[in-house]
Amino acid sequence: MNKYVVSIGDVALDIFSKIESGLFYATDTPAITSIHPGGSAANFATWISRLGGNS
């Protein structure tokens, strides 16, 4: 199963969600979501991609 990282955030706020299962069309997927102060979500996504992840 391929794993993907989705980053959503603003200049001073990042929101992270982790799912344990796959995403399927027209369904609900439970996730653990957390909000963190600080960095840019775009920078996070860039580094995930550079490290070989799907972002």
PDB file of N, CA and C in Angstrom:
ATOM      1  N   MET A   1       0.852  -1.177   0.000  1.00  0.00           N
ATOM      2  CA  MET A   1       0.000   0.000   0.000  1.00  0.00           C
ATOM      3  C   MET A   1       0.892   1.233   0.000  1.00  0.00           C
ATOM      4  N   ASN A   2       0.636   2.169  -0.910  1.00  0.00           N
ATOM      5  CA  ASN A   2       1.363   3.432  -0.923  1.00  0.00           C
ATOM      6  C   ASN A   2       0.872   4.318   0.201  1.00  0.00           C
ATOM      7  N   LYS A   3       1.790   5.043   0.812  1.00  0.00           N
ATOM      8  CA  LYS A   3       1.421   5.977   1.869  1.00  0.00           C
ATOM      9  C   LYS A   3       1.678   7.385   1.374  1.00  0.00           C
ATOM     10  N   TYR A   4       0.770   8.286   1.690  1.00  0.00           N
ATOM     11  CA  TYR A   4       0.872   9.668   1.269  1.00  0.00           C
ATOM     12  C   TYR A   4       0.875  10.579   2.480  1.00  0.00           C
ATOM     13  N   VAL A   5       1.523  11.715   2.350  1.00  0.00           N
ATOM     14  CA  VAL A   5       1.540  12.731   3.393  1.00  0.00           C
ATOM     15  C   VAL A   5       0.852  13.964   2.831  1.00  0.00           C
ATOM     16  N   VAL A   6      -0.152  14.464   3.538  1.00  0.00           N
ATOM     17  CA  VAL A   6      -0.839  15.689   3.141  1.00  0.00           C
ATOM     18  C   VAL A   6      -0.553  16.730   4.206  1.00  0.00           C
ATOM     19  N   SER A   7      -0.065  17.892   3.791  1.00  0.00           N
ATOM     20  CA  SER A   7       0.206  18.962   4.750  1.00  0.00           C
ATOM     21  C   SER A   7      -0.700  20.143   4.449  1.00  0.00           C
ATOM     22  N   ILE A   8      -1.341  20.644   5.494  1.00  0.00           N
ATOM     23  CA  ILE A   8      -2.244  21.789   5.383  1.00  0.00           C
ATOM     24  C   ILE A   8      -1.815  22.767   6.462  1.00  0.00           C
ATOM     25  N   GLY A   9      -1.656  24.009   6.110  1.00  0.00           N
ATOM     26  CA  GLY A   9      -1.242  24.938   7.145  1.00  0.00           C
ATOM     27  C   GLY A   9      -1.219  26.373   6.672  1.00  0.00           C
ATOM     28  N   ASP A  10      -0.810  27.230   7.570  1.00  0.00           N
ATOM     29  CA  ASP A  10      -0.698  28.657   7.324  1.00  0.00           C
ATOM     30  C   ASP A  10       0.663  29.098   7.825  1.00  0.00           C
ATOM     31  N   VAL A  11       0.930  30.373   7.786  1.00  0.00           N
ATOM     32  CA  VAL A  11       2.240  30.891   8.169  1.00  0.00           C
ATOM     33  C   VAL A  11       2.617  30.486   9.594  1.00  0.00           C
ATOM     34  N   ALA A  12       1.686  30.503  10.513  1.00  0.00           N
ATOM     35  CA  ALA A  12       2.009  30.227  11.908  1.00  0.00           C
ATOM     36  C   ALA A  12       1.294  29.004  12.473  1.00  0.00           C
ATOM     37  N   LEU A  13       0.685  28.194  11.619  1.00  0.00           N
ATOM     38  CA  LEU A  13      -0.098  27.073  12.123  1.00  0.00           C
ATOM     39  C   LEU A  13      -0.035  25.913  11.140  1.00  0.00           C
ATOM     40  N   ASP A  14       0.301  24.730  11.625  1.00  0.00           N
ATOM     41  CA  ASP A  14       0.313  23.522  10.805  1.00  0.00           C
ATOM     42  C   ASP A  14      -0.672  22.520  11.386  1.00  0.00           C
ATOM     43  N   ILE A  15      -1.351  21.794  10.512  1.00  0.00           N
ATOM     44  CA  ILE A  15      -2.299  20.761  10.912  1.00  0.00           C
ATOM     45  C   ILE A  15      -1.819  19.435  10.329  1.00  0.00           C
ATOM     46  N   PHE A  16      -1.630  18.433  11.188  1.00  0.00           N
ATOM     47  CA  PHE A  16      -1.156  17.123  10.752  1.00  0.00           C
ATOM     48  C   PHE A  16      -2.240  16.088  11.018  1.00  0.00           C
ATOM     49  N   SER A  17      -2.462  15.208  10.047  1.00  0.00           N
ATOM     50  CA  SER A  17      -3.396  14.093  10.218  1.00  0.00           C
ATOM     51  C   SER A  17      -2.703  12.805   9.818  1.00  0.00           C
ATOM     52  N   LYS A  18      -2.890  11.768  10.625  1.00  0.00           N
ATOM     53  CA  LYS A  18      -2.303  10.459  10.342  1.00  0.00           C
ATOM     54  C   LYS A  18      -3.430   9.445  10.266  1.00  0.00           C
ATOM     55  N   ILE A  19      -3.441   8.681   9.162  1.00  0.00           N
ATOM     56  CA  ILE A  19      -4.442   7.627   9.019  1.00  0.00           C
ATOM     57  C   ILE A  19      -3.742   6.275   9.008  1.00  0.00           C
ATOM     58  N   GLU A  20      -4.432   5.266   9.482  1.00  0.00           N
ATOM     59  CA  GLU A  20      -3.861   3.923   9.536  1.00  0.00           C
ATOM     60  C   GLU A  20      -4.326   3.053   8.371  1.00  0.00           C
ATOM     61  N   SER A  21      -5.332   3.517   7.632  1.00  0.00           N
ATOM     62  CA  SER A  21      -5.856   2.715   6.525  1.00  0.00           C
ATOM     63  C   SER A  21      -5.798   3.532   5.240  1.00  0.00           C
ATOM     64  N   GLY A  22      -6.247   2.942   4.145  1.00  0.00           N
ATOM     65  CA  GLY A  22      -6.257   3.642   2.871  1.00  0.00           C
ATOM     66  C   GLY A  22      -7.407   4.635   2.772  1.00  0.00           C
ATOM     67  N   LEU A  23      -7.296   5.546   1.807  1.00  0.00           N
ATOM     68  CA  LEU A  23      -8.379   6.476   1.518  1.00  0.00           C
ATOM     69  C   LEU A  23      -9.228   5.891   0.399  1.00  0.00           C
ATOM     70  N   PHE A  24     -10.532   5.910   0.582  1.00  0.00           N
ATOM     71  CA  PHE A  24     -11.442   5.369  -0.412  1.00  0.00           C
ATOM     72  C   PHE A  24     -12.506   6.405  -0.738  1.00  0.00           C
ATOM     73  N   TYR A  25     -12.856   6.505  -2.010  1.00  0.00           N
ATOM     74  CA  TYR A  25     -13.835   7.472  -2.489  1.00  0.00           C
ATOM     75  C   TYR A  25     -15.180   7.291  -1.785  1.00  0.00           C
ATOM     76  N   ALA A  26     -15.806   8.414  -1.413  1.00  0.00           N
ATOM     77  CA  ALA A  26     -17.153   8.463  -0.827  1.00  0.00           C
ATOM     78  C   ALA A  26     -17.264   7.708   0.496  1.00  0.00           C
ATOM     79  N   THR A  27     -16.187   7.708   1.285  1.00  0.00           N
ATOM     80  CA  THR A  27     -16.229   7.087   2.609  1.00  0.00           C
ATOM     81  C   THR A  27     -15.606   8.029   3.630  1.00  0.00           C
ATOM     82  N   ASP A  28     -15.841   7.754   4.888  1.00  0.00           N
ATOM     83  CA  ASP A  28     -15.178   8.474   5.975  1.00  0.00           C
ATOM     84  C   ASP A  28     -13.959   7.674   6.395  1.00  0.00           C
ATOM     85  N   THR A  29     -12.871   8.366   6.672  1.00  0.00           N
ATOM     86  CA  THR A  29     -11.647   7.710   7.111  1.00  0.00           C
ATOM     87  C   THR A  29     -11.225   8.313   8.442  1.00  0.00           C
ATOM     88  N   PRO A  30     -11.195   7.526   9.518  1.00  0.00           N
ATOM     89  CA  PRO A  30     -10.761   8.063  10.798  1.00  0.00           C
ATOM     90  C   PRO A  30      -9.286   8.443  10.757  1.00  0.00           C
ATOM     91  N   ALA A  31      -8.939   9.510  11.462  1.00  0.00           N
ATOM     92  CA  ALA A  31      -7.556   9.976  11.492  1.00  0.00           C
ATOM     93  C   ALA A  31      -7.247  10.595  12.845  1.00  0.00           C
ATOM     94  N   ILE A  32      -5.977  10.618  13.167  1.00  0.00           N
ATOM     95  CA  ILE A  32      -5.497  11.333  14.347  1.00  0.00           C
ATOM     96  C   ILE A  32      -4.999  12.681  13.834  1.00  0.00           C
ATOM     97  N   THR A  33      -5.610  13.771  14.297  1.00  0.00           N
ATOM     98  CA  THR A  33      -5.281  15.108  13.811  1.00  0.00           C
ATOM     99  C   THR A  33      -4.719  15.944  14.947  1.00  0.00           C
ATOM    100  N   SER A  34      -3.665  16.699  14.633  1.00  0.00           N
ATOM    101  CA  SER A  34      -3.069  17.584  15.631  1.00  0.00           C
ATOM    102  C   SER A  34      -2.709  18.920  14.988  1.00  0.00           C
ATOM    103  N   ILE A  35      -2.759  19.982  15.779  1.00  0.00           N
ATOM    104  CA  ILE A  35      -2.438  21.332  15.323  1.00  0.00           C
ATOM    105  C   ILE A  35      -1.190  21.789  16.064  1.00  0.00           C
ATOM    106  N   HIS A  36      -0.231  22.334  15.314  1.00  0.00           N
ATOM    107  CA  HIS A  36       1.042  22.744  15.897  1.00  0.00           C
ATOM    108  C   HIS A  36       1.403  24.158  15.467  1.00  0.00           C
ATOM    109  N   PRO A  37       1.936  24.950  16.391  1.00  0.00           N
ATOM    110  CA  PRO A  37       2.425  26.272  16.008  1.00  0.00           C
ATOM    111  C   PRO A  37       3.757  26.145  15.279  1.00  0.00           C
ATOM    112  N   GLY A  38       4.095  27.154  14.510  1.00  0.00           N
ATOM    113  CA  GLY A  38       5.438  27.179  13.929  1.00  0.00           C
ATOM    114  C   GLY A  38       5.457  27.075  12.430  1.00  0.00           C
ATOM    115  N   GLY A  39       6.307  26.191  11.934  1.00  0.00           N
ATOM    116  CA  GLY A  39       6.736  26.086  10.543  1.00  0.00           C
ATOM    117  C   GLY A  39       5.685  26.168   9.453  1.00  0.00           C
ATOM    118  N   SER A  40       6.170  26.097   8.255  1.00  0.00           N
ATOM    119  CA  SER A  40       5.325  26.187   7.074  1.00  0.00           C
ATOM    120  C   SER A  40       5.009  24.790   6.546  1.00  0.00           C
ATOM    121  N   ALA A  41       3.744  24.541   6.289  1.00  0.00           N
ATOM    122  CA  ALA A  41       3.339  23.237   5.755  1.00  0.00           C
ATOM    123  C   ALA A  41       3.968  22.976   4.390  1.00  0.00           C
ATOM    124  N   ALA A  42       4.189  24.032   3.615  1.00  0.00           N
ATOM    125  CA  ALA A  42       4.818  23.862   2.297  1.00  0.00           C
ATOM    126  C   ALA A  42       6.242  23.349   2.434  1.00  0.00           C
ATOM    127  N   ASN A  43       6.988  23.868   3.401  1.00  0.00           N
ATOM    128  CA  ASN A  43       8.351  23.382   3.633  1.00  0.00           C
ATOM    129  C   ASN A  43       8.335  21.918   4.053  1.00  0.00           C
ATOM    130  N   PHE A  44       7.395  21.555   4.896  1.00  0.00           N
ATOM    131  CA  PHE A  44       7.256  20.174   5.344  1.00  0.00           C
ATOM    132  C   PHE A  44       7.008  19.251   4.152  1.00  0.00           C
ATOM    133  N   ALA A  45       6.070  19.640   3.281  1.00  0.00           N
ATOM    134  CA  ALA A  45       5.742  18.818   2.114  1.00  0.00           C
ATOM    135  C   ALA A  45       6.933  18.693   1.169  1.00  0.00           C
ATOM    136  N   THR A  46       7.677  19.780   1.005  1.00  0.00           N
ATOM    137  CA  THR A  46       8.862  19.754   0.140  1.00  0.00           C
ATOM    138  C   THR A  46       9.887  18.760   0.655  1.00  0.00           C
ATOM    139  N   TRP A  47      10.159  18.781   1.943  1.00  0.00           N
ATOM    140  CA  TRP A  47      11.165  17.868   2.505  1.00  0.00           C
ATOM    141  C   TRP A  47      10.695  16.418   2.483  1.00  0.00           C
ATOM    142  N   ILE A  48       9.408  16.171   2.698  1.00  0.00           N
ATOM    143  CA  ILE A  48       8.894  14.800   2.582  1.00  0.00           C
ATOM    144  C   ILE A  48       9.161  14.277   1.173  1.00  0.00           C
ATOM    145  N   SER A  49       8.884  15.100   0.158  1.00  0.00           N
ATOM    146  CA  SER A  49       9.118  14.696  -1.236  1.00  0.00           C
ATOM    147  C   SER A  49      10.591  14.455  -1.514  1.00  0.00           C
ATOM    148  N   ARG A  50      11.441  15.325  -1.006  1.00  0.00           N
ATOM    149  CA  ARG A  50      12.885  15.172  -1.237  1.00  0.00           C
ATOM    150  C   ARG A  50      13.450  13.931  -0.557  1.00  0.00           C
ATOM    151  N   LEU A  51      12.798  13.498   0.511  1.00  0.00           N
ATOM    152  CA  LEU A  51      13.236  12.293   1.212  1.00  0.00           C
ATOM    153  C   LEU A  51      12.620  11.025   0.610  1.00  0.00           C
ATOM    154  N   GLY A  52      11.870  11.180  -0.483  1.00  0.00           N
ATOM    155  CA  GLY A  52      11.314  10.018  -1.173  1.00  0.00           C
ATOM    156  C   GLY A  52       9.868   9.709  -0.861  1.00  0.00           C
ATOM    157  N   GLY A  53       9.222  10.534  -0.050  1.00  0.00           N
ATOM    158  CA  GLY A  53       7.823  10.299   0.295  1.00  0.00           C
ATOM    159  C   GLY A  53       6.876  10.859  -0.746  1.00  0.00           C
ATOM    160  N   ASN A  54       5.607  10.496  -0.634  1.00  0.00           N
ATOM    161  CA  ASN A  54       4.550  11.024  -1.506  1.00  0.00           C
ATOM    162  C   ASN A  54       3.824  12.123  -0.760  1.00  0.00           C
ATOM    163  N   SER A  55       3.907  13.339  -1.269  1.00  0.00           N
ATOM    164  CA  SER A  55       3.323  14.467  -0.567  1.00  0.00           C
ATOM    165  C   SER A  55       2.501  15.298  -1.516  1.00  0.00           C
TER     166      SER A  55
END
